[in-house]
Amino acid sequence: MGMIVMKQGQALVLEAIQPVKYTPLQQWINRGVNKAYVVKRYQPQLTAEQQHKLVKQAETYLNKPYDIEVLKHLCDNAMDSIFHCKKL
């Protein structure tokens, strides 16, 4: 799981992995089963300022151990909904 971020014209995934890091998008896709992936967007769309703040906040976790509680904090209720659906 991760968040696509454009850095110097390159698409990178700020990735929830051990440790949290940036991975080139194509490399991230190649690791998936059958190279399959899903893209989800915030609705309503975030403003440029909100996007910038989200990336800066997420970058505070770079090089730190991955922790699902951190991810839940960043994604608020979105992760709770995913976990609820998996339980069904």
PDB file of N, CA and C in Angstrom:
ATOM      1  N   MET A   1       0.856  -1.161   0.000  1.00  0.00           N
ATOM      2  CA  MET A   1       0.000   0.000   0.000  1.00  0.00           C
ATOM      3  C   MET A   1       0.901   1.222   0.000  1.00  0.00           C
ATOM      4  N   GLY A   2       0.491   2.237  -0.712  1.00  0.00           N
ATOM      5  CA  GLY A   2       1.289   3.442  -0.748  1.00  0.00           C
ATOM      6  C   GLY A   2       0.537   4.594  -1.384  1.00  0.00           C
ATOM      7  N   MET A   3       1.244   5.692  -1.512  1.00  0.00           N
ATOM      8  CA  MET A   3       0.676   6.918  -2.062  1.00  0.00           C
ATOM      9  C   MET A   3       1.600   7.385  -3.192  1.00  0.00           C
ATOM     10  N   ILE A   4       1.039   7.615  -4.375  1.00  0.00           N
ATOM     11  CA  ILE A   4       1.841   8.079  -5.506  1.00  0.00           C
ATOM     12  C   ILE A   4       2.149   9.556  -5.327  1.00  0.00           C
ATOM     13  N   VAL A   5       3.438   9.876  -5.475  1.00  0.00           N
ATOM     14  CA  VAL A   5       3.917  11.251  -5.328  1.00  0.00           C
ATOM     15  C   VAL A   5       4.831  11.556  -6.510  1.00  0.00           C
ATOM     16  N   MET A   6       4.660  12.717  -7.104  1.00  0.00           N
ATOM     17  CA  MET A   6       5.551  13.147  -8.179  1.00  0.00           C
ATOM     18  C   MET A   6       6.720  13.908  -7.568  1.00  0.00           C
ATOM     19  N   LYS A   7       7.941  13.443  -7.857  1.00  0.00           N
ATOM     20  CA  LYS A   7       9.159  14.088  -7.375  1.00  0.00           C
ATOM     21  C   LYS A   7      10.086  14.268  -8.560  1.00  0.00           C
ATOM     22  N   GLN A   8      10.423  15.499  -8.879  1.00  0.00           N
ATOM     23  CA  GLN A   8      11.330  15.820  -9.978  1.00  0.00           C
ATOM     24  C   GLN A   8      10.905  15.111 -11.262  1.00  0.00           C
ATOM     25  N   GLY A   9       9.604  15.131 -11.539  1.00  0.00           N
ATOM     26  CA  GLY A   9       9.062  14.549 -12.762  1.00  0.00           C
ATOM     27  C   GLY A   9       8.971  13.035 -12.762  1.00  0.00           C
ATOM     28  N   GLN A  10       9.264  12.386 -11.647  1.00  0.00           N
ATOM     29  CA  GLN A  10       9.217  10.934 -11.559  1.00  0.00           C
ATOM     30  C   GLN A  10       8.088  10.506 -10.624  1.00  0.00           C
ATOM     31  N   ALA A  11       7.303   9.514 -11.068  1.00  0.00           N
ATOM     32  CA  ALA A  11       6.231   8.967 -10.225  1.00  0.00           C
ATOM     33  C   ALA A  11       6.834   7.972  -9.247  1.00  0.00           C
ATOM     34  N   LEU A  12       6.671   8.262  -7.960  1.00  0.00           N
ATOM     35  CA  LEU A  12       7.178   7.407  -6.892  1.00  0.00           C
ATOM     36  C   LEU A  12       6.020   7.000  -5.993  1.00  0.00           C
ATOM     37  N   VAL A  13       6.184   5.879  -5.314  1.00  0.00           N
ATOM     38  CA  VAL A  13       5.196   5.436  -4.337  1.00  0.00           C
ATOM     39  C   VAL A  13       5.816   5.603  -2.959  1.00  0.00           C
ATOM     40  N   LEU A  14       5.200   6.430  -2.127  1.00  0.00           N
ATOM     41  CA  LEU A  14       5.593   6.531  -0.727  1.00  0.00           C
ATOM     42  C   LEU A  14       4.940   5.327  -0.065  1.00  0.00           C
ATOM     43  N   GLU A  15       5.762   4.330   0.211  1.00  0.00           N
ATOM     44  CA  GLU A  15       5.282   2.978   0.435  1.00  0.00           C
ATOM     45  C   GLU A  15       5.293   2.555   1.897  1.00  0.00           C
ATOM     46  N   ALA A  16       4.214   1.886   2.288  1.00  0.00           N
ATOM     47  CA  ALA A  16       4.104   1.289   3.619  1.00  0.00           C
ATOM     48  C   ALA A  16       4.779  -0.071   3.567  1.00  0.00           C
ATOM     49  N   ILE A  17       6.069  -0.070   3.836  1.00  0.00           N
ATOM     50  CA  ILE A  17       6.907  -1.272   3.786  1.00  0.00           C
ATOM     51  C   ILE A  17       7.975  -1.099   4.852  1.00  0.00           C
ATOM     52  N   GLN A  18       8.749  -2.118   5.114  1.00  0.00           N
ATOM     53  CA  GLN A  18       9.816  -2.009   6.112  1.00  0.00           C
ATOM     54  C   GLN A  18      11.114  -1.591   5.459  1.00  0.00           C
ATOM     55  N   PRO A  19      11.680  -0.458   5.741  1.00  0.00           N
ATOM     56  CA  PRO A  19      11.048   0.690   6.388  1.00  0.00           C
ATOM     57  C   PRO A  19      10.229   1.476   5.368  1.00  0.00           C
ATOM     58  N   VAL A  20       9.471   2.456   5.842  1.00  0.00           N
ATOM     59  CA  VAL A  20       8.702   3.329   4.946  1.00  0.00           C
ATOM     60  C   VAL A  20       9.692   4.019   4.008  1.00  0.00           C
ATOM     61  N   LYS A  21       9.403   3.979   2.698  1.00  0.00           N
ATOM     62  CA  LYS A  21      10.345   4.549   1.739  1.00  0.00           C
ATOM     63  C   LYS A  21       9.647   4.906   0.436  1.00  0.00           C
ATOM     64  N   TYR A  22      10.371   5.636  -0.409  1.00  0.00           N
ATOM     65  CA  TYR A  22       9.923   5.904  -1.772  1.00  0.00           C
ATOM     66  C   TYR A  22      10.418   4.778  -2.672  1.00  0.00           C
ATOM     67  N   THR A  23       9.542   4.305  -3.565  1.00  0.00           N
ATOM     68  CA  THR A  23       9.873   3.285  -4.546  1.00  0.00           C
ATOM     69  C   THR A  23       9.391   3.792  -5.906  1.00  0.00           C
ATOM     70  N   PRO A  24      10.213   3.687  -6.960  1.00  0.00           N
ATOM     71  CA  PRO A  24       9.724   4.065  -8.289  1.00  0.00           C
ATOM     72  C   PRO A  24       8.437   3.302  -8.616  1.00  0.00           C
ATOM     73  N   LEU A  25       7.482   4.006  -9.217  1.00  0.00           N
ATOM     74  CA  LEU A  25       6.160   3.422  -9.475  1.00  0.00           C
ATOM     75  C   LEU A  25       6.255   2.109 -10.244  1.00  0.00           C
ATOM     76  N   GLN A  26       7.034   2.056 -11.323  1.00  0.00           N
ATOM     77  CA  GLN A  26       7.101   0.835 -12.121  1.00  0.00           C
ATOM     78  C   GLN A  26       7.677  -0.326 -11.319  1.00  0.00           C
ATOM     79  N   GLN A  27       8.660  -0.059 -10.492  1.00  0.00           N
ATOM     80  CA  GLN A  27       9.235  -1.104  -9.633  1.00  0.00           C
ATOM     81  C   GLN A  27       8.181  -1.617  -8.652  1.00  0.00           C
ATOM     82  N   TRP A  28       7.392  -0.707  -8.106  1.00  0.00           N
ATOM     83  CA  TRP A  28       6.323  -1.077  -7.169  1.00  0.00           C
ATOM     84  C   TRP A  28       5.280  -1.943  -7.873  1.00  0.00           C
ATOM     85  N   ILE A  29       4.885  -1.539  -9.088  1.00  0.00           N
ATOM     86  CA  ILE A  29       3.904  -2.307  -9.870  1.00  0.00           C
ATOM     87  C   ILE A  29       4.446  -3.696 -10.180  1.00  0.00           C
ATOM     88  N   ASN A  30       5.719  -3.773 -10.569  1.00  0.00           N
ATOM     89  CA  ASN A  30       6.328  -5.057 -10.937  1.00  0.00           C
ATOM     90  C   ASN A  30       6.312  -6.071  -9.796  1.00  0.00           C
ATOM     91  N   ARG A  31       6.291  -5.627  -8.560  1.00  0.00           N
ATOM     92  CA  ARG A  31       6.271  -6.535  -7.405  1.00  0.00           C
ATOM     93  C   ARG A  31       4.889  -7.149  -7.176  1.00  0.00           C
ATOM     94  N   GLY A  32       3.861  -6.551  -7.744  1.00  0.00           N
ATOM     95  CA  GLY A  32       2.497  -7.041  -7.522  1.00  0.00           C
ATOM     96  C   GLY A  32       2.205  -8.331  -8.263  1.00  0.00           C
ATOM     97  N   VAL A  33       1.222  -9.074  -7.772  1.00  0.00           N
ATOM     98  CA  VAL A  33       0.791 -10.301  -8.429  1.00  0.00           C
ATOM     99  C   VAL A  33       0.247  -9.939  -9.803  1.00  0.00           C
ATOM    100  N   ASN A  34       0.810 -10.523 -10.847  1.00  0.00           N
ATOM    101  CA  ASN A  34       0.430 -10.221 -12.236  1.00  0.00           C
ATOM    102  C   ASN A  34       0.551  -8.734 -12.564  1.00  0.00           C
ATOM    103  N   LYS A  35       1.368  -8.041 -11.804  1.00  0.00           N
ATOM    104  CA  LYS A  35       1.580  -6.589 -11.982  1.00  0.00           C
ATOM    105  C   LYS A  35       0.274  -5.815 -11.877  1.00  0.00           C
ATOM    106  N   ALA A  36      -0.666  -6.345 -11.100  1.00  0.00           N
ATOM    107  CA  ALA A  36      -1.967  -5.694 -10.921  1.00  0.00           C
ATOM    108  C   ALA A  36      -1.889  -4.693  -9.769  1.00  0.00           C
ATOM    109  N   TYR A  37      -2.621  -3.595  -9.896  1.00  0.00           N
ATOM    110  CA  TYR A  37      -2.687  -2.590  -8.840  1.00  0.00           C
ATOM    111  C   TYR A  37      -4.005  -1.840  -8.940  1.00  0.00           C
ATOM    112  N   VAL A  38      -4.344  -1.143  -7.873  1.00  0.00           N
ATOM    113  CA  VAL A  38      -5.574  -0.365  -7.809  1.00  0.00           C
ATOM    114  C   VAL A  38      -5.207   1.052  -7.400  1.00  0.00           C
ATOM    115  N   VAL A  39      -5.796   2.026  -8.078  1.00  0.00           N
ATOM    116  CA  VAL A  39      -5.587   3.435  -7.738  1.00  0.00           C
ATOM    117  C   VAL A  39      -6.893   3.971  -7.172  1.00  0.00           C
ATOM    118  N   LYS A  40      -6.798   4.600  -6.016  1.00  0.00           N
ATOM    119  CA  LYS A  40      -7.969   5.228  -5.394  1.00  0.00           C
ATOM    120  C   LYS A  40      -7.658   6.694  -5.178  1.00  0.00           C
ATOM    121  N   ARG A  41      -8.674   7.522  -5.281  1.00  0.00           N
ATOM    122  CA  ARG A  41      -8.513   8.963  -5.106  1.00  0.00           C
ATOM    123  C   ARG A  41      -9.409   9.456  -3.983  1.00  0.00           C
ATOM    124  N   TYR A  42      -8.925  10.503  -3.320  1.00  0.00           N
ATOM    125  CA  TYR A  42      -9.761  11.155  -2.307  1.00  0.00           C
ATOM    126  C   TYR A  42     -10.926  11.848  -2.992  1.00  0.00           C
ATOM    127  N   GLN A  43     -12.097  11.769  -2.391  1.00  0.00           N
ATOM    128  CA  GLN A  43     -13.265  12.498  -2.868  1.00  0.00           C
ATOM    129  C   GLN A  43     -13.831  13.278  -1.706  1.00  0.00           C
ATOM    130  N   PRO A  44     -14.058  14.544  -1.776  1.00  0.00           N
ATOM    131  CA  PRO A  44     -13.760  15.374  -2.939  1.00  0.00           C
ATOM    132  C   PRO A  44     -12.253  15.532  -3.118  1.00  0.00           C
ATOM    133  N   GLN A  45     -11.869  15.928  -4.324  1.00  0.00           N
ATOM    134  CA  GLN A  45     -10.446  16.050  -4.661  1.00  0.00           C
ATOM    135  C   GLN A  45      -9.750  17.032  -3.718  1.00  0.00           C
ATOM    136  N   LEU A  46      -8.535  16.687  -3.313  1.00  0.00           N
ATOM    137  CA  LEU A  46      -7.754  17.559  -2.442  1.00  0.00           C
ATOM    138  C   LEU A  46      -7.217  18.747  -3.226  1.00  0.00           C
ATOM    139  N   THR A  47      -7.121  19.870  -2.556  1.00  0.00           N
ATOM    140  CA  THR A  47      -6.494  21.035  -3.180  1.00  0.00           C
ATOM    141  C   THR A  47      -4.982  20.796  -3.238  1.00  0.00           C
ATOM    142  N   ALA A  48      -4.278  21.606  -4.005  1.00  0.00           N
ATOM    143  CA  ALA A  48      -2.821  21.494  -4.094  1.00  0.00           C
ATOM    144  C   ALA A  48      -2.192  21.677  -2.712  1.00  0.00           C
ATOM    145  N   GLU A  49      -2.728  22.591  -1.932  1.00  0.00           N
ATOM    146  CA  GLU A  49      -2.200  22.827  -0.584  1.00  0.00           C
ATOM    147  C   GLU A  49      -2.425  21.596   0.309  1.00  0.00           C
ATOM    148  N   GLN A  50      -3.605  21.001   0.227  1.00  0.00           N
ATOM    149  CA  GLN A  50      -3.895  19.806   1.019  1.00  0.00           C
ATOM    150  C   GLN A  50      -2.992  18.641   0.602  1.00  0.00           C
ATOM    151  N   GLN A  51      -2.771  18.493  -0.711  1.00  0.00           N
ATOM    152  CA  GLN A  51      -1.887  17.444  -1.211  1.00  0.00           C
ATOM    153  C   GLN A  51      -0.477  17.629  -0.657  1.00  0.00           C
ATOM    154  N   HIS A  52       0.016  18.853  -0.700  1.00  0.00           N
ATOM    155  CA  HIS A  52       1.353  19.168  -0.200  1.00  0.00           C
ATOM    156  C   HIS A  52       1.472  18.830   1.289  1.00  0.00           C
ATOM    157  N   LYS A  53       0.467  19.218   2.059  1.00  0.00           N
ATOM    158  CA  LYS A  53       0.486  18.933   3.499  1.00  0.00           C
ATOM    159  C   LYS A  53       0.446  17.435   3.762  1.00  0.00           C
ATOM    160  N   LEU A  54      -0.357  16.698   3.001  1.00  0.00           N
ATOM    161  CA  LEU A  54      -0.456  15.252   3.166  1.00  0.00           C
ATOM    162  C   LEU A  54       0.894  14.587   2.902  1.00  0.00           C
ATOM    163  N   VAL A  55       1.556  14.980   1.814  1.00  0.00           N
ATOM    164  CA  VAL A  55       2.868  14.413   1.480  1.00  0.00           C
ATOM    165  C   VAL A  55       3.887  14.752   2.557  1.00  0.00           C
ATOM    166  N   LYS A  56       3.921  16.005   2.992  1.00  0.00           N
ATOM    167  CA  LYS A  56       4.883  16.414   4.022  1.00  0.00           C
ATOM    168  C   LYS A  56       4.654  15.630   5.316  1.00  0.00           C
ATOM    169  N   GLN A  57       3.407  15.436   5.693  1.00  0.00           N
ATOM    170  CA  GLN A  57       3.097  14.659   6.897  1.00  0.00           C
ATOM    171  C   GLN A  57       3.538  13.211   6.716  1.00  0.00           C
ATOM    172  N   ALA A  58       3.224  12.629   5.571  1.00  0.00           N
ATOM    173  CA  ALA A  58       3.594  11.234   5.323  1.00  0.00           C
ATOM    174  C   ALA A  58       5.110  11.070   5.289  1.00  0.00           C
ATOM    175  N   GLU A  59       5.819  12.062   4.766  1.00  0.00           N
ATOM    176  CA  GLU A  59       7.285  11.979   4.683  1.00  0.00           C
ATOM    177  C   GLU A  59       7.951  11.968   6.060  1.00  0.00           C
ATOM    178  N   THR A  60       7.252  12.385   7.092  1.00  0.00           N
ATOM    179  CA  THR A  60       7.836  12.339   8.432  1.00  0.00           C
ATOM    180  C   THR A  60       8.066  10.887   8.867  1.00  0.00           C
ATOM    181  N   TYR A  61       7.442   9.917   8.164  1.00  0.00           N
ATOM    182  CA  TYR A  61       7.589   8.507   8.490  1.00  0.00           C
ATOM    183  C   TYR A  61       8.653   7.809   7.638  1.00  0.00           C
ATOM    184  N   LEU A  62       9.288   8.534   6.695  1.00  0.00           N
ATOM    185  CA  LEU A  62      10.325   7.932   5.866  1.00  0.00           C
ATOM    186  C   LEU A  62      11.418   7.316   6.727  1.00  0.00           C
ATOM    187  N   ASN A  63      11.870   6.141   6.305  1.00  0.00           N
ATOM    188  CA  ASN A  63      12.953   5.399   6.966  1.00  0.00           C
ATOM    189  C   ASN A  63      12.607   4.900   8.363  1.00  0.00           C
ATOM    190  N   LYS A  64      11.354   5.014   8.761  1.00  0.00           N
ATOM    191  CA  LYS A  64      10.917   4.490  10.051  1.00  0.00           C
ATOM    192  C   LYS A  64      10.244   3.143   9.820  1.00  0.00           C
ATOM    193  N   PRO A  65      10.209   2.307  10.857  1.00  0.00           N
ATOM    194  CA  PRO A  65       9.538   1.013  10.701  1.00  0.00           C
ATOM    195  C   PRO A  65       8.061   1.207  10.342  1.00  0.00           C
ATOM    196  N   TYR A  66       7.576   0.383   9.438  1.00  0.00           N
ATOM    197  CA  TYR A  66       6.166   0.413   9.063  1.00  0.00           C
ATOM    198  C   TYR A  66       5.322  -0.003  10.254  1.00  0.00           C
ATOM    199  N   ASP A  67       4.226   0.700  10.472  1.00  0.00           N
ATOM    200  CA  ASP A  67       3.344   0.431  11.603  1.00  0.00           C
ATOM    201  C   ASP A  67       1.918   0.690  11.146  1.00  0.00           C
ATOM    202  N   ILE A  68       1.066  -0.316  11.204  1.00  0.00           N
ATOM    203  CA  ILE A  68      -0.324  -0.170  10.758  1.00  0.00           C
ATOM    204  C   ILE A  68      -1.047   0.935  11.513  1.00  0.00           C
ATOM    205  N   GLU A  69      -0.696   1.175  12.760  1.00  0.00           N
ATOM    206  CA  GLU A  69      -1.344   2.240  13.529  1.00  0.00           C
ATOM    207  C   GLU A  69      -1.010   3.613  12.932  1.00  0.00           C
ATOM    208  N   VAL A  70       0.211   3.760  12.437  1.00  0.00           N
ATOM    209  CA  VAL A  70       0.584   5.015  11.773  1.00  0.00           C
ATOM    210  C   VAL A  70      -0.249   5.188  10.517  1.00  0.00           C
ATOM    211  N   LEU A  71      -0.381   4.115   9.733  1.00  0.00           N
ATOM    212  CA  LEU A  71      -1.168   4.182   8.508  1.00  0.00           C
ATOM    213  C   LEU A  71      -2.621   4.511   8.819  1.00  0.00           C
ATOM    214  N   LYS A  72      -3.173   3.893   9.843  1.00  0.00           N
ATOM    215  CA  LYS A  72      -4.553   4.185  10.222  1.00  0.00           C
ATOM    216  C   LYS A  72      -4.704   5.651  10.614  1.00  0.00           C
ATOM    217  N   HIS A  73      -3.714   6.171  11.308  1.00  0.00           N
ATOM    218  CA  HIS A  73      -3.749   7.589  11.694  1.00  0.00           C
ATOM    219  C   HIS A  73      -3.776   8.480  10.458  1.00  0.00           C
ATOM    220  N   LEU A  74      -2.932   8.173   9.467  1.00  0.00           N
ATOM    221  CA  LEU A  74      -2.862   8.993   8.256  1.00  0.00           C
ATOM    222  C   LEU A  74      -4.140   8.904   7.435  1.00  0.00           C
ATOM    223  N   CYS A  75      -4.720   7.725   7.377  1.00  0.00           N
ATOM    224  CA  CYS A  75      -5.873   7.512   6.505  1.00  0.00           C
ATOM    225  C   CYS A  75      -7.210   7.671   7.224  1.00  0.00           C
ATOM    226  N   ASP A  76      -7.167   7.969   8.512  1.00  0.00           N
ATOM    227  CA  ASP A  76      -8.382   8.165   9.303  1.00  0.00           C
ATOM    228  C   ASP A  76      -9.347   7.006   9.116  1.00  0.00           C
ATOM    229  N   ASN A  77     -10.557   7.298   8.782  1.00  0.00           N
ATOM    230  CA  ASN A  77     -11.604   6.286   8.713  1.00  0.00           C
ATOM    231  C   ASN A  77     -11.507   5.389   7.494  1.00  0.00           C
ATOM    232  N   ALA A  78     -10.701   5.756   6.501  1.00  0.00           N
ATOM    233  CA  ALA A  78     -10.596   4.936   5.295  1.00  0.00           C
ATOM    234  C   ALA A  78     -10.101   3.539   5.633  1.00  0.00           C
ATOM    235  N   MET A  79      -9.074   3.433   6.459  1.00  0.00           N
ATOM    236  CA  MET A  79      -8.560   2.118   6.828  1.00  0.00           C
ATOM    237  C   MET A  79      -9.576   1.352   7.666  1.00  0.00           C
ATOM    238  N   ASP A  80     -10.281   2.040   8.549  1.00  0.00           N
ATOM    239  CA  ASP A  80     -11.296   1.369   9.356  1.00  0.00           C
ATOM    240  C   ASP A  80     -12.340   0.725   8.449  1.00  0.00           C
ATOM    241  N   SER A  81     -12.719   1.424   7.395  1.00  0.00           N
ATOM    242  CA  SER A  81     -13.701   0.888   6.448  1.00  0.00           C
ATOM    243  C   SER A  81     -13.165  -0.342   5.741  1.00  0.00           C
ATOM    244  N   ILE A  82     -11.883  -0.307   5.361  1.00  0.00           N
ATOM    245  CA  ILE A  82     -11.280  -1.445   4.681  1.00  0.00           C
ATOM    246  C   ILE A  82     -11.263  -2.653   5.608  1.00  0.00           C
ATOM    247  N   PHE A  83     -10.832  -2.445   6.864  1.00  0.00           N
ATOM    248  CA  PHE A  83     -10.796  -3.558   7.801  1.00  0.00           C
ATOM    249  C   PHE A  83     -12.193  -4.114   8.042  1.00  0.00           C
ATOM    250  N   HIS A  84     -13.178  -3.247   8.139  1.00  0.00           N
ATOM    251  CA  HIS A  84     -14.558  -3.690   8.359  1.00  0.00           C
ATOM    252  C   HIS A  84     -15.007  -4.566   7.189  1.00  0.00           C
ATOM    253  N   CYS A  85     -14.718  -4.125   5.967  1.00  0.00           N
ATOM    254  CA  CYS A  85     -15.121  -4.895   4.794  1.00  0.00           C
ATOM    255  C   CYS A  85     -14.445  -6.257   4.754  1.00  0.00           C
ATOM    256  N   LYS A  86     -13.183  -6.340   5.167  1.00  0.00           N
ATOM    257  CA  LYS A  86     -12.471  -7.608   5.146  1.00  0.00           C
ATOM    258  C   LYS A  86     -13.084  -8.572   6.155  1.00  0.00           C
ATOM    259  N   LYS A  87     -13.608  -8.064   7.262  1.00  0.00           N
ATOM    260  CA  LYS A  87     -14.227  -8.929   8.258  1.00  0.00           C
ATOM    261  C   LYS A  87     -15.518  -9.543   7.755  1.00  0.00           C
ATOM    262  N   LEU A  88     -16.202  -8.849   6.856  1.00  0.00           N
ATOM    263  CA  LEU A  88     -17.459  -9.372   6.312  1.00  0.00           C
ATOM    264  C   LEU A  88     -17.158 -10.536   5.416  1.00  0.00           C
TER     265      LEU A  88
END
